[in-house]
Amino acid sequence: MKIKILFFGITTDLVGASNLDLMLSDASTVLDFKSLLKKNYPQLENLDSYAIAVNESYATDDLTLQKNDIVAVIPPVSGG
């Protein structure tokens, strides 16, 4: 199945794109997605953490992704 990935902040710089399409096997979870993402983009290992949102809602690792989901990779935010 195909999902769309949106990258924000430093993750855009690390992967060199603000959005990508990715093919996943059916019944993939957010945890499966994160593993594949780190395999394809090992530079993301440099981040201490990042949040995943699916269709504009924060997601847990056990959420099963669906065809055409929009998955956002959100790095930690700091400011002053």
C-alpha atoms as a PDB file:
ATOM      1  CA  MET A   1       0.000   0.000   0.000  1.00  0.00           C
ATOM      2  CA  LYS A   2       1.099   3.561  -0.586  1.00  0.00           C
ATOM      3  CA  ILE A   3       1.254   6.265   2.078  1.00  0.00           C
ATOM      4  CA  LYS A   4       2.368   9.876   1.880  1.00  0.00           C
ATOM      5  CA  ILE A   5       5.031  11.110   4.300  1.00  0.00           C
ATOM      6  CA  LEU A   6       5.382  14.749   5.335  1.00  0.00           C
ATOM      7  CA  PHE A   7       8.628  15.874   6.951  1.00  0.00           C
ATOM      8  CA  PHE A   8       8.933  18.939   9.173  1.00  0.00           C
ATOM      9  CA  GLY A   9      11.813  20.946  10.626  1.00  0.00           C
ATOM     10  CA  ILE A  10      15.206  19.259  10.703  1.00  0.00           C
ATOM     11  CA  THR A  11      13.791  16.014   9.288  1.00  0.00           C
ATOM     12  CA  THR A  12      13.279  17.826   5.965  1.00  0.00           C
ATOM     13  CA  ASP A  13      17.009  18.622   5.874  1.00  0.00           C
ATOM     14  CA  LEU A  14      18.025  15.124   6.951  1.00  0.00           C
ATOM     15  CA  VAL A  15      16.078  13.312   4.223  1.00  0.00           C
ATOM     16  CA  GLY A  16      16.381  16.042   1.597  1.00  0.00           C
ATOM     17  CA  ALA A  17      12.639  16.365   0.944  1.00  0.00           C
ATOM     18  CA  SER A  18       9.527  17.800   2.538  1.00  0.00           C
ATOM     19  CA  ASN A  19       7.309  14.948   1.354  1.00  0.00           C
ATOM     20  CA  LEU A  20       7.623  11.484  -0.162  1.00  0.00           C
ATOM     21  CA  ASP A  21       5.464   8.529  -1.110  1.00  0.00           C
ATOM     22  CA  LEU A  22       6.366   5.189   0.462  1.00  0.00           C
ATOM     23  CA  MET A  23       5.183   1.669  -0.232  1.00  0.00           C
ATOM     24  CA  LEU A  24       4.453  -0.478   2.830  1.00  0.00           C
ATOM     25  CA  SER A  25       3.099  -3.968   3.187  1.00  0.00           C
ATOM     26  CA  ASP A  26      -0.553  -4.270   4.178  1.00  0.00           C
ATOM     27  CA  ALA A  27      -1.251  -4.211   7.921  1.00  0.00           C
ATOM     28  CA  SER A  28       1.945  -2.269   8.666  1.00  0.00           C
ATOM     29  CA  THR A  29       2.011  -0.442  11.978  1.00  0.00           C
ATOM     30  CA  VAL A  30       3.585   2.873  12.884  1.00  0.00           C
ATOM     31  CA  LEU A  31       6.450   0.882  14.428  1.00  0.00           C
ATOM     32  CA  ASP A  32       6.972  -0.948  11.096  1.00  0.00           C
ATOM     33  CA  PHE A  33       6.930   2.421   9.333  1.00  0.00           C
ATOM     34  CA  LYS A  34       9.541   3.864  11.711  1.00  0.00           C
ATOM     35  CA  SER A  35      11.814   0.856  11.182  1.00  0.00           C
ATOM     36  CA  LEU A  36      11.578   1.166   7.400  1.00  0.00           C
ATOM     37  CA  LEU A  37      12.110   4.906   7.590  1.00  0.00           C
ATOM     38  CA  LYS A  38      15.307   4.472   9.636  1.00  0.00           C
ATOM     39  CA  LYS A  39      16.502   1.784   7.220  1.00  0.00           C
ATOM     40  CA  ASN A  40      15.928   4.034   4.181  1.00  0.00           C
ATOM     41  CA  TYR A  41      17.124   7.223   5.913  1.00  0.00           C
ATOM     42  CA  PRO A  42      19.728   6.256   8.526  1.00  0.00           C
ATOM     43  CA  GLN A  43      20.530   9.922   9.110  1.00  0.00           C
ATOM     44  CA  LEU A  44      17.296  10.109  11.143  1.00  0.00           C
ATOM     45  CA  GLU A  45      19.132   8.100  13.834  1.00  0.00           C
ATOM     46  CA  ASN A  46      20.832  11.415  14.714  1.00  0.00           C
ATOM     47  CA  LEU A  47      17.572  12.659  16.245  1.00  0.00           C
ATOM     48  CA  ASP A  48      16.925  11.841  19.883  1.00  0.00           C
ATOM     49  CA  SER A  49      13.230  11.494  19.194  1.00  0.00           C
ATOM     50  CA  TYR A  50      10.445  12.494  16.869  1.00  0.00           C
ATOM     51  CA  ALA A  51       6.685  12.197  16.907  1.00  0.00           C
ATOM     52  CA  ILE A  52       4.537  10.524  14.272  1.00  0.00           C
ATOM     53  CA  ALA A  53       1.108  11.828  13.324  1.00  0.00           C
ATOM     54  CA  VAL A  54      -1.279   9.953  11.048  1.00  0.00           C
ATOM     55  CA  ASN A  55      -3.959  11.978   9.302  1.00  0.00           C
ATOM     56  CA  GLU A  56      -3.293  14.939  11.624  1.00  0.00           C
ATOM     57  CA  SER A  57      -3.514  12.985  14.900  1.00  0.00           C
ATOM     58  CA  TYR A  58      -0.565  11.845  16.977  1.00  0.00           C
ATOM     59  CA  ALA A  59      -0.123   8.088  16.649  1.00  0.00           C
ATOM     60  CA  THR A  60       1.192   5.299  18.845  1.00  0.00           C
ATOM     61  CA  ASP A  61       3.516   2.576  17.573  1.00  0.00           C
ATOM     62  CA  ASP A  62       0.738  -0.035  17.478  1.00  0.00           C
ATOM     63  CA  LEU A  63      -1.569   1.922  15.143  1.00  0.00           C
ATOM     64  CA  THR A  64      -2.168   0.039  11.879  1.00  0.00           C
ATOM     65  CA  LEU A  65      -1.655   2.224   8.825  1.00  0.00           C
ATOM     66  CA  GLN A  66      -4.148   2.288   5.990  1.00  0.00           C
ATOM     67  CA  LYS A  67      -3.786   2.858   2.250  1.00  0.00           C
ATOM     68  CA  ASN A  68      -3.384   6.565   1.393  1.00  0.00           C
ATOM     69  CA  ASP A  69      -2.728   7.632   5.000  1.00  0.00           C
ATOM     70  CA  ILE A  70      -0.752  10.838   5.439  1.00  0.00           C
ATOM     71  CA  VAL A  71       2.039  10.328   7.958  1.00  0.00           C
ATOM     72  CA  ALA A  72       3.898  13.307   9.417  1.00  0.00           C
ATOM     73  CA  VAL A  73       7.369  13.047  10.952  1.00  0.00           C
ATOM     74  CA  ILE A  74       7.603  15.784  13.569  1.00  0.00           C
ATOM     75  CA  PRO A  75      10.931  16.540  15.264  1.00  0.00           C
ATOM     76  CA  PRO A  76      11.226  18.029  18.754  1.00  0.00           C
ATOM     77  CA  VAL A  77      10.569  21.760  18.756  1.00  0.00           C
ATOM     78  CA  SER A  78      12.434  24.329  20.779  1.00  0.00           C
ATOM     79  CA  GLY A  79      12.340  28.060  20.821  1.00  0.00           C
ATOM     80  CA  GLY A  80      12.580  31.079  22.942  1.00  0.00           C
END
